[in-house]
Amino acid sequence: MERSCDLCGRRESDPARLLTWTTGVEHGRRKNFCTACSREHLRMMEGKLDSDQW
């Protein structure tokens, strides 16, 4: 299964690498974030801010 990051557009299909991605639900829509974007925006995620506010 291939996924793409909803912030930077990076694509990944390796299941082992997908384990490090972050998934969330915003306004009823599932969003995926790659490892790099997850690390960069960790504080915003912990604060439960929507990704459009990052």
Protein backbone atom coordinates (compact mmCIF):
# COMPACT_ATOMS: atom_id res chain seq x y z
CA MET A 1 0.00 0.00 0.00
CA GLU A 2 1.43 3.36 -0.99
CA ARG A 3 0.79 6.46 1.09
CA SER A 4 1.63 10.09 0.53
CA CYS A 5 2.35 12.77 3.12
CA ASP A 6 -0.42 15.36 3.34
CA LEU A 7 2.14 18.11 4.03
CA CYS A 8 5.09 17.58 1.71
CA GLY A 9 3.70 15.02 -0.76
CA ARG A 10 6.41 12.41 -0.12
CA ARG A 11 5.37 8.90 -1.19
CA GLU A 12 6.23 5.65 0.54
CA SER A 13 5.23 2.04 -0.02
CA ASP A 14 7.71 0.13 2.18
CA PRO A 15 5.66 -1.24 5.13
CA ALA A 16 8.65 -1.03 7.50
CA ARG A 17 9.15 2.67 6.77
CA LEU A 18 5.43 3.40 7.01
CA LEU A 19 5.58 2.33 10.67
CA THR A 20 7.35 5.61 11.47
CA TRP A 21 4.67 7.76 9.83
CA THR A 22 2.00 9.56 11.85
CA THR A 23 -1.71 9.25 11.08
CA GLY A 24 -4.44 11.52 12.38
CA VAL A 25 -8.04 12.49 11.72
CA GLU A 26 -8.94 16.12 11.02
CA HIS A 27 -12.51 17.18 10.25
CA GLY A 28 -13.43 13.53 9.65
CA ARG A 29 -10.63 13.01 7.10
CA ARG A 30 -7.65 10.72 7.66
CA LYS A 31 -4.28 12.45 7.22
CA ASN A 32 -0.83 10.89 6.89
CA PHE A 33 2.45 12.61 7.74
CA CYS A 34 5.93 11.32 6.86
CA THR A 35 8.63 10.90 9.48
CA ALA A 36 10.34 14.20 8.60
CA CYS A 37 7.13 16.25 8.80
CA SER A 38 6.08 14.43 11.97
CA ARG A 39 9.34 15.33 13.67
CA GLU A 40 9.24 18.92 12.47
CA HIS A 41 5.67 19.49 13.68
CA LEU A 42 5.63 17.25 16.77
CA ARG A 43 4.69 20.04 19.22
CA MET A 44 1.77 21.12 17.04
CA MET A 45 0.54 17.52 16.85
CA GLU A 46 0.80 17.10 20.61
CA GLY A 47 -1.18 20.33 21.01
CA LYS A 48 -3.89 18.80 18.78
CA LEU A 49 -3.74 21.69 16.32
CA ASP A 50 -5.07 21.03 12.81
CA SER A 51 -2.34 20.78 10.19
CA ASP A 52 -3.64 23.88 8.39
CA GLN A 53 -2.55 25.89 11.46
CA TRP A 54 1.06 24.69 11.38
